[in-house]
Amino acid sequence: MVASLTEPQWYYSRDELALPPSVRAGMPLSRERALRQEAVRQLWNMRDKSKDKGTFGQAVVTAAATFVHRFYMRETFQDWDHKATAAAAIFLASKAEEEPRSLKTLLSWVLDPNELADPHRANDVRQKVLAHEEAMLRVLCFDLTVRHPHWIAVSVARKAWVGEGEQEVGDKVAKVAWMILNDSLSAPLCLLYTPPVLAAAAVVLACAQLDVALPGPPPPLSEQKALHEFKVQEAEEGEEMPPFEPQVYWLELVGVEPDQLPEPVKDLADVYKLAADEFVVEEGARQLAAKAQSVVDALAFTAMAGSSTVERVPPSPSSTSPGFTSPSFSDLGTRLA
């Protein structure tokens, strides 16, 4: 999906992320971040409860999380309850992603059976969700278009590992990158980086976690063409050869440069420092961060070594996206409990 003309309005600097409306209204930044995490956790809880009634897809959760993060850059937690906001976000995202659910079904995910049986309680929650949905539409300026980094990461991983015996590696990288992006939804990284940058960073971090080397730059375009012509000449009579398709460096598939990745990779790794499990924080996050740094260093070296020899295949205009580099996300001085 190509970036919409309105998408740039939803990216912020780190200074702006450190001073959202709720903080300006007096809430500590650590509490503001914790409420964002709780709202996203509520999205996952609703998805779990929906499984016996036809669960909704990943796109709905990702869009809803994006709506929540965008909403609280223009409104406050003091004025708008995060649980009702999460419910409204799922309700809105299910329609935006063409997986609509009725408000009655939504209430069955939000309320326990006793509350649902109480008509007054159910009606109060129904009205609250509708009020939050109306506010969200207003705040988002009816801009409900969300590009999803998950599918970009999967596509890149499956196109980057295409050699003999490499498809299984690509599938593993895609799966882990998907999980990393899911884990990152609780942090407002979608307000800092474009989906292609997040997708590429997730692929790098997935390789770090799996101890898999990133694909290097392909041979120069002239060599690729010469090899294809040789295969055509050597083909047996009657054998039909596929048309020439240039191998593209995996970062070119998303229009991301190597120097755009160190910060988002570190930010994705830092998400695991916010885990409630102390072992994940002390051991898993620390080891993952160290591995990620090694992969990023190797990526930078490969990029420098190949920059003068690799003939780049020009990316299409729609695949190019701007990146955002700045100090570490963890430098915002907060941790989610």
C-alpha atoms as a PDB file:
ATOM      1  CA  MET A   1       0.000   0.000   0.000  1.00  0.00           C
ATOM      2  CA  VAL A   2       1.311   3.424  -0.979  1.00  0.00           C
ATOM      3  CA  ALA A   3       1.542   6.061   1.755  1.00  0.00           C
ATOM      4  CA  SER A   4      -1.469   8.376   1.798  1.00  0.00           C
ATOM      5  CA  LEU A   5      -1.084  12.123   1.435  1.00  0.00           C
ATOM      6  CA  THR A   6      -2.238  12.539   5.044  1.00  0.00           C
ATOM      7  CA  GLU A   7       0.164  10.024   6.606  1.00  0.00           C
ATOM      8  CA  PRO A   8       3.018  12.507   7.329  1.00  0.00           C
ATOM      9  CA  GLN A   9       0.856  14.340   9.886  1.00  0.00           C
ATOM     10  CA  TRP A  10       1.053  11.280  12.136  1.00  0.00           C
ATOM     11  CA  TYR A  11       4.816  11.298  12.652  1.00  0.00           C
ATOM     12  CA  TYR A  12       6.369  13.110  15.594  1.00  0.00           C
ATOM     13  CA  SER A  13       9.801  13.971  16.902  1.00  0.00           C
ATOM     14  CA  ARG A  14      11.096  12.379  20.087  1.00  0.00           C
ATOM     15  CA  ASP A  15      10.669  15.689  21.869  1.00  0.00           C
ATOM     16  CA  GLU A  16       7.003  15.749  20.868  1.00  0.00           C
ATOM     17  CA  LEU A  17       6.530  12.128  21.992  1.00  0.00           C
ATOM     18  CA  ALA A  18       8.036  13.061  25.347  1.00  0.00           C
ATOM     19  CA  LEU A  19       5.458  15.813  25.795  1.00  0.00           C
ATOM     20  CA  PRO A  20       2.049  14.476  24.683  1.00  0.00           C
ATOM     21  CA  PRO A  21      -1.202  16.182  25.741  1.00  0.00           C
ATOM     22  CA  SER A  22      -1.643  14.020  28.864  1.00  0.00           C
ATOM     23  CA  VAL A  23       1.824  14.981  30.106  1.00  0.00           C
ATOM     24  CA  ARG A  24       1.188  18.643  29.394  1.00  0.00           C
ATOM     25  CA  ALA A  25      -1.972  18.240  31.478  1.00  0.00           C
ATOM     26  CA  GLY A  26       0.070  17.006  34.452  1.00  0.00           C
ATOM     27  CA  MET A  27       0.392  13.221  34.022  1.00  0.00           C
ATOM     28  CA  PRO A  28       3.875  11.704  34.460  1.00  0.00           C
ATOM     29  CA  LEU A  29       5.290  10.404  31.184  1.00  0.00           C
ATOM     30  CA  SER A  30       5.828   6.962  32.724  1.00  0.00           C
ATOM     31  CA  ARG A  31       2.102   6.773  33.529  1.00  0.00           C
ATOM     32  CA  GLU A  32       1.163   7.967  30.065  1.00  0.00           C
ATOM     33  CA  ARG A  33       3.275   5.225  28.495  1.00  0.00           C
ATOM     34  CA  ALA A  34       1.808   2.629  30.857  1.00  0.00           C
ATOM     35  CA  LEU A  35      -1.740   3.582  29.868  1.00  0.00           C
ATOM     36  CA  ARG A  36      -0.855   3.230  26.205  1.00  0.00           C
ATOM     37  CA  GLN A  37       0.410  -0.256  26.959  1.00  0.00           C
ATOM     38  CA  GLU A  38      -2.744  -1.112  28.901  1.00  0.00           C
ATOM     39  CA  ALA A  39      -4.937   0.110  26.035  1.00  0.00           C
ATOM     40  CA  VAL A  40      -3.087  -2.094  23.547  1.00  0.00           C
ATOM     41  CA  ARG A  41      -3.277  -5.033  25.951  1.00  0.00           C
ATOM     42  CA  GLN A  42      -7.041  -4.462  25.980  1.00  0.00           C
ATOM     43  CA  LEU A  43      -7.047  -4.850  22.187  1.00  0.00           C
ATOM     44  CA  TRP A  44      -5.386  -8.254  22.469  1.00  0.00           C
ATOM     45  CA  ASN A  45      -7.812  -9.257  25.238  1.00  0.00           C
ATOM     46  CA  MET A  46     -10.757  -8.432  22.985  1.00  0.00           C
ATOM     47  CA  ARG A  47      -9.223 -10.437  20.159  1.00  0.00           C
ATOM     48  CA  ASP A  48      -8.825 -13.424  22.494  1.00  0.00           C
ATOM     49  CA  LYS A  49     -12.476 -13.155  23.549  1.00  0.00           C
ATOM     50  CA  SER A  50     -13.585 -12.968  19.926  1.00  0.00           C
ATOM     51  CA  LYS A  51     -12.167 -16.361  18.969  1.00  0.00           C
ATOM     52  CA  ASP A  52     -15.363 -18.263  19.703  1.00  0.00           C
ATOM     53  CA  LYS A  53     -17.370 -15.817  17.572  1.00  0.00           C
ATOM     54  CA  GLY A  54     -15.108 -15.449  14.558  1.00  0.00           C
ATOM     55  CA  THR A  55     -11.922 -13.661  15.479  1.00  0.00           C
ATOM     56  CA  PHE A  56     -10.722 -10.643  13.524  1.00  0.00           C
ATOM     57  CA  GLY A  57      -7.407 -10.460  11.717  1.00  0.00           C
ATOM     58  CA  GLN A  58      -4.039  -8.988  12.526  1.00  0.00           C
ATOM     59  CA  ALA A  59      -4.774  -5.893  10.443  1.00  0.00           C
ATOM     60  CA  VAL A  60      -7.609  -4.926  12.801  1.00  0.00           C
ATOM     61  CA  VAL A  61      -5.360  -5.079  15.878  1.00  0.00           C
ATOM     62  CA  THR A  62      -2.559  -3.152  14.177  1.00  0.00           C
ATOM     63  CA  ALA A  63      -4.921  -0.468  12.896  1.00  0.00           C
ATOM     64  CA  ALA A  64      -6.621  -0.175  16.286  1.00  0.00           C
ATOM     65  CA  ALA A  65      -3.278   0.199  18.084  1.00  0.00           C
ATOM     66  CA  THR A  66      -2.268   2.867  15.586  1.00  0.00           C
ATOM     67  CA  PHE A  67      -5.554   4.699  16.175  1.00  0.00           C
ATOM     68  CA  VAL A  68      -4.981   4.625  19.938  1.00  0.00           C
ATOM     69  CA  HIS A  69      -1.455   6.032  19.671  1.00  0.00           C
ATOM     70  CA  ARG A  70      -2.553   8.752  17.258  1.00  0.00           C
ATOM     71  CA  PHE A  71      -5.596   9.649  19.364  1.00  0.00           C
ATOM     72  CA  TYR A  72      -3.547  10.288  22.499  1.00  0.00           C
ATOM     73  CA  MET A  73      -1.234  12.650  20.647  1.00  0.00           C
ATOM     74  CA  ARG A  74      -4.200  15.006  20.355  1.00  0.00           C
ATOM     75  CA  GLU A  75      -6.330  14.108  23.391  1.00  0.00           C
ATOM     76  CA  THR A  76      -5.602  13.193  27.003  1.00  0.00           C
ATOM     77  CA  PHE A  77      -6.028  10.111  29.136  1.00  0.00           C
ATOM     78  CA  GLN A  78      -7.509  12.406  31.754  1.00  0.00           C
ATOM     79  CA  ASP A  79     -10.458  13.190  29.474  1.00  0.00           C
ATOM     80  CA  TRP A  80     -10.830   9.901  27.615  1.00  0.00           C
ATOM     81  CA  ASP A  81     -10.813   6.507  29.349  1.00  0.00           C
ATOM     82  CA  HIS A  82      -8.206   4.209  27.802  1.00  0.00           C
ATOM     83  CA  LYS A  83     -10.384   1.072  27.990  1.00  0.00           C
ATOM     84  CA  ALA A  84     -13.292   2.731  26.197  1.00  0.00           C
ATOM     85  CA  THR A  85     -10.832   4.195  23.703  1.00  0.00           C
ATOM     86  CA  ALA A  86      -9.469   0.707  23.001  1.00  0.00           C
ATOM     87  CA  ALA A  87     -12.994  -0.649  22.463  1.00  0.00           C
ATOM     88  CA  ALA A  88     -13.821   2.242  20.126  1.00  0.00           C
ATOM     89  CA  ALA A  89     -10.552   1.698  18.259  1.00  0.00           C
ATOM     90  CA  ILE A  90     -11.347  -1.982  17.640  1.00  0.00           C
ATOM     91  CA  PHE A  91     -14.893  -1.111  16.584  1.00  0.00           C
ATOM     92  CA  LEU A  92     -13.578   1.503  14.147  1.00  0.00           C
ATOM     93  CA  ALA A  93     -10.660  -0.582  12.893  1.00  0.00           C
ATOM     94  CA  SER A  94     -12.896  -3.577  12.168  1.00  0.00           C
ATOM     95  CA  LYS A  95     -14.906  -1.368   9.818  1.00  0.00           C
ATOM     96  CA  ALA A  96     -11.865   0.326   8.296  1.00  0.00           C
ATOM     97  CA  GLU A  97     -10.249  -3.071   7.596  1.00  0.00           C
ATOM     98  CA  GLU A  98     -13.510  -4.472   6.203  1.00  0.00           C
ATOM     99  CA  GLU A  99     -14.036  -6.964   9.019  1.00  0.00           C
ATOM    100  CA  PRO A 100     -17.006  -5.227  10.682  1.00  0.00           C
ATOM    101  CA  ARG A 101     -18.476  -6.464  13.933  1.00  0.00           C
ATOM    102  CA  SER A 102     -21.721  -5.330  15.525  1.00  0.00           C
ATOM    103  CA  LEU A 103     -21.714  -3.199  18.648  1.00  0.00           C
ATOM    104  CA  LYS A 104     -23.540  -6.019  20.433  1.00  0.00           C
ATOM    105  CA  THR A 105     -20.693  -8.390  19.591  1.00  0.00           C
ATOM    106  CA  LEU A 106     -18.155  -5.814  20.729  1.00  0.00           C
ATOM    107  CA  LEU A 107     -19.869  -5.483  24.103  1.00  0.00           C
ATOM    108  CA  SER A 108     -19.593  -9.252  24.596  1.00  0.00           C
ATOM    109  CA  TRP A 109     -15.811  -8.817  24.383  1.00  0.00           C
ATOM    110  CA  VAL A 110     -15.721  -5.864  26.790  1.00  0.00           C
ATOM    111  CA  LEU A 111     -18.202  -6.935  29.489  1.00  0.00           C
ATOM    112  CA  ASP A 112     -18.353 -10.080  31.584  1.00  0.00           C
ATOM    113  CA  PRO A 113     -21.602 -12.147  31.416  1.00  0.00           C
ATOM    114  CA  ASN A 114     -23.092 -10.563  34.548  1.00  0.00           C
ATOM    115  CA  GLU A 115     -22.495  -7.035  33.260  1.00  0.00           C
ATOM    116  CA  LEU A 116     -23.845  -7.965  29.848  1.00  0.00           C
ATOM    117  CA  ALA A 117     -27.029  -9.271  31.477  1.00  0.00           C
ATOM    118  CA  ASP A 118     -27.564  -5.900  33.183  1.00  0.00           C
ATOM    119  CA  PRO A 119     -29.353  -3.713  30.581  1.00  0.00           C
ATOM    120  CA  HIS A 120     -28.422  -0.462  32.349  1.00  0.00           C
ATOM    121  CA  ARG A 121     -24.721  -1.360  32.550  1.00  0.00           C
ATOM    122  CA  ALA A 122     -24.654  -2.591  28.957  1.00  0.00           C
ATOM    123  CA  ASN A 123     -26.358   0.571  27.717  1.00  0.00           C
ATOM    124  CA  ASP A 124     -23.942   2.804  29.658  1.00  0.00           C
ATOM    125  CA  VAL A 125     -20.941   1.070  28.103  1.00  0.00           C
ATOM    126  CA  ARG A 126     -22.560   1.142  24.653  1.00  0.00           C
ATOM    127  CA  GLN A 127     -23.050   4.900  24.857  1.00  0.00           C
ATOM    128  CA  LYS A 128     -19.517   5.395  26.170  1.00  0.00           C
ATOM    129  CA  VAL A 129     -17.990   3.416  23.302  1.00  0.00           C
ATOM    130  CA  LEU A 130     -20.050   5.328  20.739  1.00  0.00           C
ATOM    131  CA  ALA A 131     -18.967   8.643  22.268  1.00  0.00           C
ATOM    132  CA  HIS A 132     -15.329   7.565  22.136  1.00  0.00           C
ATOM    133  CA  GLU A 133     -15.730   6.387  18.541  1.00  0.00           C
ATOM    134  CA  GLU A 134     -17.171   9.759  17.528  1.00  0.00           C
ATOM    135  CA  ALA A 135     -14.310  11.551  19.272  1.00  0.00           C
ATOM    136  CA  MET A 136     -11.755   9.276  17.613  1.00  0.00           C
ATOM    137  CA  LEU A 137     -13.177   9.943  14.153  1.00  0.00           C
ATOM    138  CA  ARG A 138     -12.998  13.665  14.841  1.00  0.00           C
ATOM    139  CA  VAL A 139      -9.442  13.543  16.203  1.00  0.00           C
ATOM    140  CA  LEU A 140      -8.216  11.325  13.360  1.00  0.00           C
ATOM    141  CA  CYS A 141      -9.877  13.669  10.830  1.00  0.00           C
ATOM    142  CA  PHE A 142     -11.565  10.563   9.374  1.00  0.00           C
ATOM    143  CA  ASP A 143      -8.124   9.387   8.226  1.00  0.00           C
ATOM    144  CA  LEU A 144      -8.473   5.629   8.752  1.00  0.00           C
ATOM    145  CA  THR A 145      -5.828   4.480   6.289  1.00  0.00           C
ATOM    146  CA  VAL A 146      -3.097   2.458   8.001  1.00  0.00           C
ATOM    147  CA  ARG A 147      -0.185   0.747   6.294  1.00  0.00           C
ATOM    148  CA  HIS A 148       0.821  -2.453   8.065  1.00  0.00           C
ATOM    149  CA  PRO A 149       4.516  -3.257   8.632  1.00  0.00           C
ATOM    150  CA  HIS A 150       3.739  -6.929   9.288  1.00  0.00           C
ATOM    151  CA  TRP A 151       2.967  -7.806   5.685  1.00  0.00           C
ATOM    152  CA  ILE A 152       5.882  -5.736   4.417  1.00  0.00           C
ATOM    153  CA  ALA A 153       8.245  -7.699   6.681  1.00  0.00           C
ATOM    154  CA  VAL A 154       6.806 -11.038   5.528  1.00  0.00           C
ATOM    155  CA  SER A 155       7.103 -10.067   1.869  1.00  0.00           C
ATOM    156  CA  VAL A 156      10.697  -8.897   2.282  1.00  0.00           C
ATOM    157  CA  ALA A 157      11.759 -12.024   4.180  1.00  0.00           C
ATOM    158  CA  ARG A 158      10.265 -14.354   1.593  1.00  0.00           C
ATOM    159  CA  LYS A 159      11.822 -12.453  -1.320  1.00  0.00           C
ATOM    160  CA  ALA A 160      15.234 -12.036   0.311  1.00  0.00           C
ATOM    161  CA  TRP A 161      15.834 -15.750   0.965  1.00  0.00           C
ATOM    162  CA  VAL A 162      15.085 -17.394  -2.368  1.00  0.00           C
ATOM    163  CA  GLY A 163      18.137 -19.584  -2.974  1.00  0.00           C
ATOM    164  CA  GLU A 164      18.164 -23.350  -2.753  1.00  0.00           C
ATOM    165  CA  GLY A 165      17.301 -24.396   0.791  1.00  0.00           C
ATOM    166  CA  GLU A 166      16.771 -20.783   1.900  1.00  0.00           C
ATOM    167  CA  GLN A 167      12.991 -20.576   1.740  1.00  0.00           C
ATOM    168  CA  GLU A 168      12.659 -22.206   5.161  1.00  0.00           C
ATOM    169  CA  VAL A 169      15.021 -19.588   6.584  1.00  0.00           C
ATOM    170  CA  GLY A 170      12.929 -16.827   5.027  1.00  0.00           C
ATOM    171  CA  ASP A 171       9.760 -18.276   6.570  1.00  0.00           C
ATOM    172  CA  LYS A 172      11.393 -18.391  10.014  1.00  0.00           C
ATOM    173  CA  VAL A 173      12.606 -14.802   9.711  1.00  0.00           C
ATOM    174  CA  ALA A 174       9.134 -13.709   8.601  1.00  0.00           C
ATOM    175  CA  LYS A 175       7.493 -15.432  11.574  1.00  0.00           C
ATOM    176  CA  VAL A 176       9.845 -13.916  14.157  1.00  0.00           C
ATOM    177  CA  ALA A 177       9.659 -10.463  12.550  1.00  0.00           C
ATOM    178  CA  TRP A 178       5.857 -10.705  12.758  1.00  0.00           C
ATOM    179  CA  MET A 179       6.048 -11.530  16.479  1.00  0.00           C
ATOM    180  CA  ILE A 180       8.467  -8.639  17.080  1.00  0.00           C
ATOM    181  CA  LEU A 181       6.108  -6.199  15.377  1.00  0.00           C
ATOM    182  CA  ASN A 182       3.218  -7.524  17.470  1.00  0.00           C
ATOM    183  CA  ASP A 183       5.221  -6.958  20.648  1.00  0.00           C
ATOM    184  CA  SER A 184       6.081  -3.430  19.527  1.00  0.00           C
ATOM    185  CA  LEU A 185       2.441  -2.320  19.201  1.00  0.00           C
ATOM    186  CA  SER A 186       2.334  -1.307  22.868  1.00  0.00           C
ATOM    187  CA  ALA A 187       4.978   1.374  22.264  1.00  0.00           C
ATOM    188  CA  PRO A 188       4.219   4.378  20.045  1.00  0.00           C
ATOM    189  CA  LEU A 189       6.883   3.502  17.472  1.00  0.00           C
ATOM    190  CA  CYS A 190       4.283   3.890  14.705  1.00  0.00           C
ATOM    191  CA  LEU A 191       4.444   7.624  15.488  1.00  0.00           C
ATOM    192  CA  LEU A 192       8.196   7.700  14.986  1.00  0.00           C
ATOM    193  CA  TYR A 193       8.922   5.427  12.014  1.00  0.00           C
ATOM    194  CA  THR A 194       7.201   4.595   8.736  1.00  0.00           C
ATOM    195  CA  PRO A 195       5.903   1.025   8.228  1.00  0.00           C
ATOM    196  CA  PRO A 196       8.693   0.119   5.746  1.00  0.00           C
ATOM    197  CA  VAL A 197      11.359   1.246   8.221  1.00  0.00           C
ATOM    198  CA  LEU A 198       9.718  -0.712  11.047  1.00  0.00           C
ATOM    199  CA  ALA A 199       9.400  -3.773   8.807  1.00  0.00           C
ATOM    200  CA  ALA A 200      13.070  -3.651   7.806  1.00  0.00           C
ATOM    201  CA  ALA A 201      14.145  -3.148  11.422  1.00  0.00           C
ATOM    202  CA  ALA A 202      12.017  -6.131  12.483  1.00  0.00           C
ATOM    203  CA  VAL A 203      13.712  -8.310   9.850  1.00  0.00           C
ATOM    204  CA  VAL A 204      17.133  -7.245  11.171  1.00  0.00           C
ATOM    205  CA  LEU A 205      16.106  -7.985  14.766  1.00  0.00           C
ATOM    206  CA  ALA A 206      14.592 -11.324  13.735  1.00  0.00           C
ATOM    207  CA  CYS A 207      17.898 -12.300  12.131  1.00  0.00           C
ATOM    208  CA  ALA A 208      19.677 -11.317  15.338  1.00  0.00           C
ATOM    209  CA  GLN A 209      17.349 -13.482  17.404  1.00  0.00           C
ATOM    210  CA  LEU A 210      17.691 -16.456  15.046  1.00  0.00           C
ATOM    211  CA  ASP A 211      21.452 -16.013  14.531  1.00  0.00           C
ATOM    212  CA  VAL A 212      20.812 -15.762  10.788  1.00  0.00           C
ATOM    213  CA  ALA A 213      23.010 -13.647   8.539  1.00  0.00           C
ATOM    214  CA  LEU A 214      21.284 -10.953   6.511  1.00  0.00           C
ATOM    215  CA  PRO A 215      21.442 -11.432   2.735  1.00  0.00           C
ATOM    216  CA  GLY A 216      24.283  -9.509   1.158  1.00  0.00           C
ATOM    217  CA  PRO A 217      23.972  -7.319  -1.937  1.00  0.00           C
ATOM    218  CA  PRO A 218      23.341  -9.302  -5.156  1.00  0.00           C
ATOM    219  CA  PRO A 219      25.870  -9.380  -8.016  1.00  0.00           C
ATOM    220  CA  PRO A 220      26.041  -6.291 -10.236  1.00  0.00           C
ATOM    221  CA  LEU A 221      23.165  -6.021 -12.684  1.00  0.00           C
ATOM    222  CA  SER A 222      25.491  -6.544 -15.650  1.00  0.00           C
ATOM    223  CA  GLU A 223      26.687  -9.865 -14.180  1.00  0.00           C
ATOM    224  CA  GLN A 224      23.131 -10.980 -13.525  1.00  0.00           C
ATOM    225  CA  LYS A 225      22.195 -10.282 -17.142  1.00  0.00           C
ATOM    226  CA  ALA A 226      25.302 -12.069 -18.458  1.00  0.00           C
ATOM    227  CA  LEU A 227      24.544 -15.135 -16.315  1.00  0.00           C
ATOM    228  CA  HIS A 228      20.945 -15.230 -17.529  1.00  0.00           C
ATOM    229  CA  GLU A 229      22.059 -14.971 -21.169  1.00  0.00           C
ATOM    230  CA  PHE A 230      24.522 -17.806 -20.590  1.00  0.00           C
ATOM    231  CA  LYS A 231      21.771 -20.010 -19.152  1.00  0.00           C
ATOM    232  CA  VAL A 232      19.546 -19.209 -22.135  1.00  0.00           C
ATOM    233  CA  GLN A 233      22.316 -20.215 -24.544  1.00  0.00           C
ATOM    234  CA  GLU A 234      23.044 -23.411 -22.625  1.00  0.00           C
ATOM    235  CA  ALA A 235      19.400 -24.408 -22.322  1.00  0.00           C
ATOM    236  CA  GLU A 236      18.414 -27.619 -24.071  1.00  0.00           C
ATOM    237  CA  GLU A 237      16.366 -27.368 -27.212  1.00  0.00           C
ATOM    238  CA  GLY A 238      12.704 -26.898 -26.386  1.00  0.00           C
ATOM    239  CA  GLU A 239      13.448 -25.871 -22.795  1.00  0.00           C
ATOM    240  CA  GLU A 240      11.646 -22.651 -21.965  1.00  0.00           C
ATOM    241  CA  MET A 241      13.688 -20.277 -19.818  1.00  0.00           C
ATOM    242  CA  PRO A 242      11.952 -17.772 -17.525  1.00  0.00           C
ATOM    243  CA  PRO A 243      12.389 -14.097 -18.427  1.00  0.00           C
ATOM    244  CA  PHE A 244      15.188 -12.172 -16.766  1.00  0.00           C
ATOM    245  CA  GLU A 245      14.290 -10.809 -13.344  1.00  0.00           C
ATOM    246  CA  PRO A 246      16.975  -8.788 -11.565  1.00  0.00           C
ATOM    247  CA  GLN A 247      17.871  -9.734  -8.017  1.00  0.00           C
ATOM    248  CA  VAL A 248      17.235  -6.777  -5.766  1.00  0.00           C
ATOM    249  CA  TYR A 249      18.997  -6.006  -2.488  1.00  0.00           C
ATOM    250  CA  TRP A 250      16.506  -6.724   0.273  1.00  0.00           C
ATOM    251  CA  LEU A 251      16.486  -3.142   1.569  1.00  0.00           C
ATOM    252  CA  GLU A 252      15.679  -1.858  -1.896  1.00  0.00           C
ATOM    253  CA  LEU A 253      12.453  -3.865  -1.751  1.00  0.00           C
ATOM    254  CA  VAL A 254      11.181  -1.391   0.851  1.00  0.00           C
ATOM    255  CA  GLY A 255      13.138   1.694  -0.152  1.00  0.00           C
ATOM    256  CA  VAL A 256      15.112   1.835   3.112  1.00  0.00           C
ATOM    257  CA  GLU A 257      18.786   2.749   3.451  1.00  0.00           C
ATOM    258  CA  PRO A 258      21.116   0.938   5.888  1.00  0.00           C
ATOM    259  CA  ASP A 259      21.831   4.120   7.841  1.00  0.00           C
ATOM    260  CA  GLN A 260      18.130   4.428   8.657  1.00  0.00           C
ATOM    261  CA  LEU A 261      18.073   1.185  10.649  1.00  0.00           C
ATOM    262  CA  PRO A 262      20.288   1.433  13.765  1.00  0.00           C
ATOM    263  CA  GLU A 263      17.820   3.515  15.786  1.00  0.00           C
ATOM    264  CA  PRO A 264      14.594   1.632  14.946  1.00  0.00           C
ATOM    265  CA  VAL A 265      16.360  -1.700  15.529  1.00  0.00           C
ATOM    266  CA  LYS A 266      17.482  -0.487  18.943  1.00  0.00           C
ATOM    267  CA  ASP A 267      14.003   0.847  19.703  1.00  0.00           C
ATOM    268  CA  LEU A 268      12.394  -2.483  18.814  1.00  0.00           C
ATOM    269  CA  ALA A 269      14.898  -4.293  21.035  1.00  0.00           C
ATOM    270  CA  ASP A 270      14.220  -1.791  23.831  1.00  0.00           C
ATOM    271  CA  VAL A 271      10.543  -2.796  23.832  1.00  0.00           C
ATOM    272  CA  TYR A 272      11.571  -6.020  25.598  1.00  0.00           C
ATOM    273  CA  LYS A 273      13.078  -3.964  28.420  1.00  0.00           C
ATOM    274  CA  LEU A 274       9.505  -2.997  29.250  1.00  0.00           C
ATOM    275  CA  ALA A 275       8.411  -6.578  29.930  1.00  0.00           C
ATOM    276  CA  ALA A 276       6.960  -7.506  33.307  1.00  0.00           C
ATOM    277  CA  ASP A 277       9.074 -10.679  33.441  1.00  0.00           C
ATOM    278  CA  GLU A 278      12.416  -9.778  35.078  1.00  0.00           C
ATOM    279  CA  PHE A 279      14.223 -12.600  33.252  1.00  0.00           C
ATOM    280  CA  VAL A 280      13.075 -11.225  29.894  1.00  0.00           C
ATOM    281  CA  VAL A 281      14.350  -7.793  30.908  1.00  0.00           C
ATOM    282  CA  GLU A 282      17.651  -8.842  32.459  1.00  0.00           C
ATOM    283  CA  GLU A 283      18.686 -11.669  30.144  1.00  0.00           C
ATOM    284  CA  GLY A 284      16.575 -11.826  26.999  1.00  0.00           C
ATOM    285  CA  ALA A 285      16.491  -8.095  26.252  1.00  0.00           C
ATOM    286  CA  ARG A 286      20.172  -7.607  27.046  1.00  0.00           C
ATOM    287  CA  GLN A 287      21.302 -10.515  24.871  1.00  0.00           C
ATOM    288  CA  LEU A 288      18.966  -9.520  22.051  1.00  0.00           C
ATOM    289  CA  ALA A 289      20.262  -5.940  22.104  1.00  0.00           C
ATOM    290  CA  ALA A 290      23.852  -7.165  21.866  1.00  0.00           C
ATOM    291  CA  LYS A 291      23.033  -9.499  18.964  1.00  0.00           C
ATOM    292  CA  ALA A 292      21.094  -6.760  17.210  1.00  0.00           C
ATOM    293  CA  GLN A 293      24.047  -4.394  17.462  1.00  0.00           C
ATOM    294  CA  SER A 294      26.294  -7.007  15.856  1.00  0.00           C
ATOM    295  CA  VAL A 295      23.861  -7.472  12.956  1.00  0.00           C
ATOM    296  CA  VAL A 296      23.526  -3.712  12.486  1.00  0.00           C
ATOM    297  CA  ASP A 297      27.324  -3.334  12.455  1.00  0.00           C
ATOM    298  CA  ALA A 298      27.592  -6.106   9.857  1.00  0.00           C
ATOM    299  CA  LEU A 299      24.864  -4.460   7.778  1.00  0.00           C
ATOM    300  CA  ALA A 300      26.701  -1.133   7.836  1.00  0.00           C
ATOM    301  CA  PHE A 301      29.974  -2.824   6.804  1.00  0.00           C
ATOM    302  CA  THR A 302      28.262  -4.692   3.956  1.00  0.00           C
ATOM    303  CA  ALA A 303      26.623  -1.486   2.766  1.00  0.00           C
ATOM    304  CA  MET A 304      29.963   0.366   2.700  1.00  0.00           C
ATOM    305  CA  ALA A 305      31.766  -2.513   0.994  1.00  0.00           C
ATOM    306  CA  GLY A 306      29.101  -2.933  -1.642  1.00  0.00           C
ATOM    307  CA  SER A 307      28.189   0.699  -2.290  1.00  0.00           C
ATOM    308  CA  SER A 308      30.864   1.170  -4.954  1.00  0.00           C
ATOM    309  CA  THR A 309      30.382  -2.155  -6.745  1.00  0.00           C
ATOM    310  CA  VAL A 310      26.672  -2.972  -6.660  1.00  0.00           C
ATOM    311  CA  GLU A 311      24.538  -1.626  -9.496  1.00  0.00           C
ATOM    312  CA  ARG A 312      21.257  -0.698  -7.865  1.00  0.00           C
ATOM    313  CA  VAL A 313      17.955  -1.500  -9.493  1.00  0.00           C
ATOM    314  CA  PRO A 314      16.017   1.777  -9.283  1.00  0.00           C
ATOM    315  CA  PRO A 315      13.117   1.362  -6.817  1.00  0.00           C
ATOM    316  CA  SER A 316       9.644   2.342  -7.872  1.00  0.00           C
ATOM    317  CA  PRO A 317       8.469   5.710  -6.475  1.00  0.00           C
ATOM    318  CA  SER A 318       5.753   3.996  -4.434  1.00  0.00           C
ATOM    319  CA  SER A 319       8.269   1.849  -2.555  1.00  0.00           C
ATOM    320  CA  THR A 320      10.357   4.726  -1.253  1.00  0.00           C
ATOM    321  CA  SER A 321       9.565   5.988   2.211  1.00  0.00           C
ATOM    322  CA  PRO A 322      11.323   8.484   4.467  1.00  0.00           C
ATOM    323  CA  GLY A 323      12.960   7.266   7.632  1.00  0.00           C
ATOM    324  CA  PHE A 324      13.406   8.977  10.935  1.00  0.00           C
ATOM    325  CA  THR A 325      16.630   8.818  12.915  1.00  0.00           C
ATOM    326  CA  SER A 326      17.150  10.355  16.294  1.00  0.00           C
ATOM    327  CA  PRO A 327      18.188   9.386  19.847  1.00  0.00           C
ATOM    328  CA  SER A 328      17.088   6.059  21.310  1.00  0.00           C
ATOM    329  CA  PHE A 329      13.422   5.568  22.191  1.00  0.00           C
ATOM    330  CA  SER A 330      14.516   4.447  25.640  1.00  0.00           C
ATOM    331  CA  ASP A 331      16.037   7.902  26.150  1.00  0.00           C
ATOM    332  CA  LEU A 332      12.524   9.245  26.667  1.00  0.00           C
ATOM    333  CA  GLY A 333      13.212   8.370  30.280  1.00  0.00           C
ATOM    334  CA  THR A 334      10.356   5.971  30.890  1.00  0.00           C
ATOM    335  CA  ARG A 335       9.682   2.272  31.208  1.00  0.00           C
ATOM    336  CA  LEU A 336       6.337   0.558  30.859  1.00  0.00           C
ATOM    337  CA  ALA A 337       5.478  -1.568  33.844  1.00  0.00           C
END
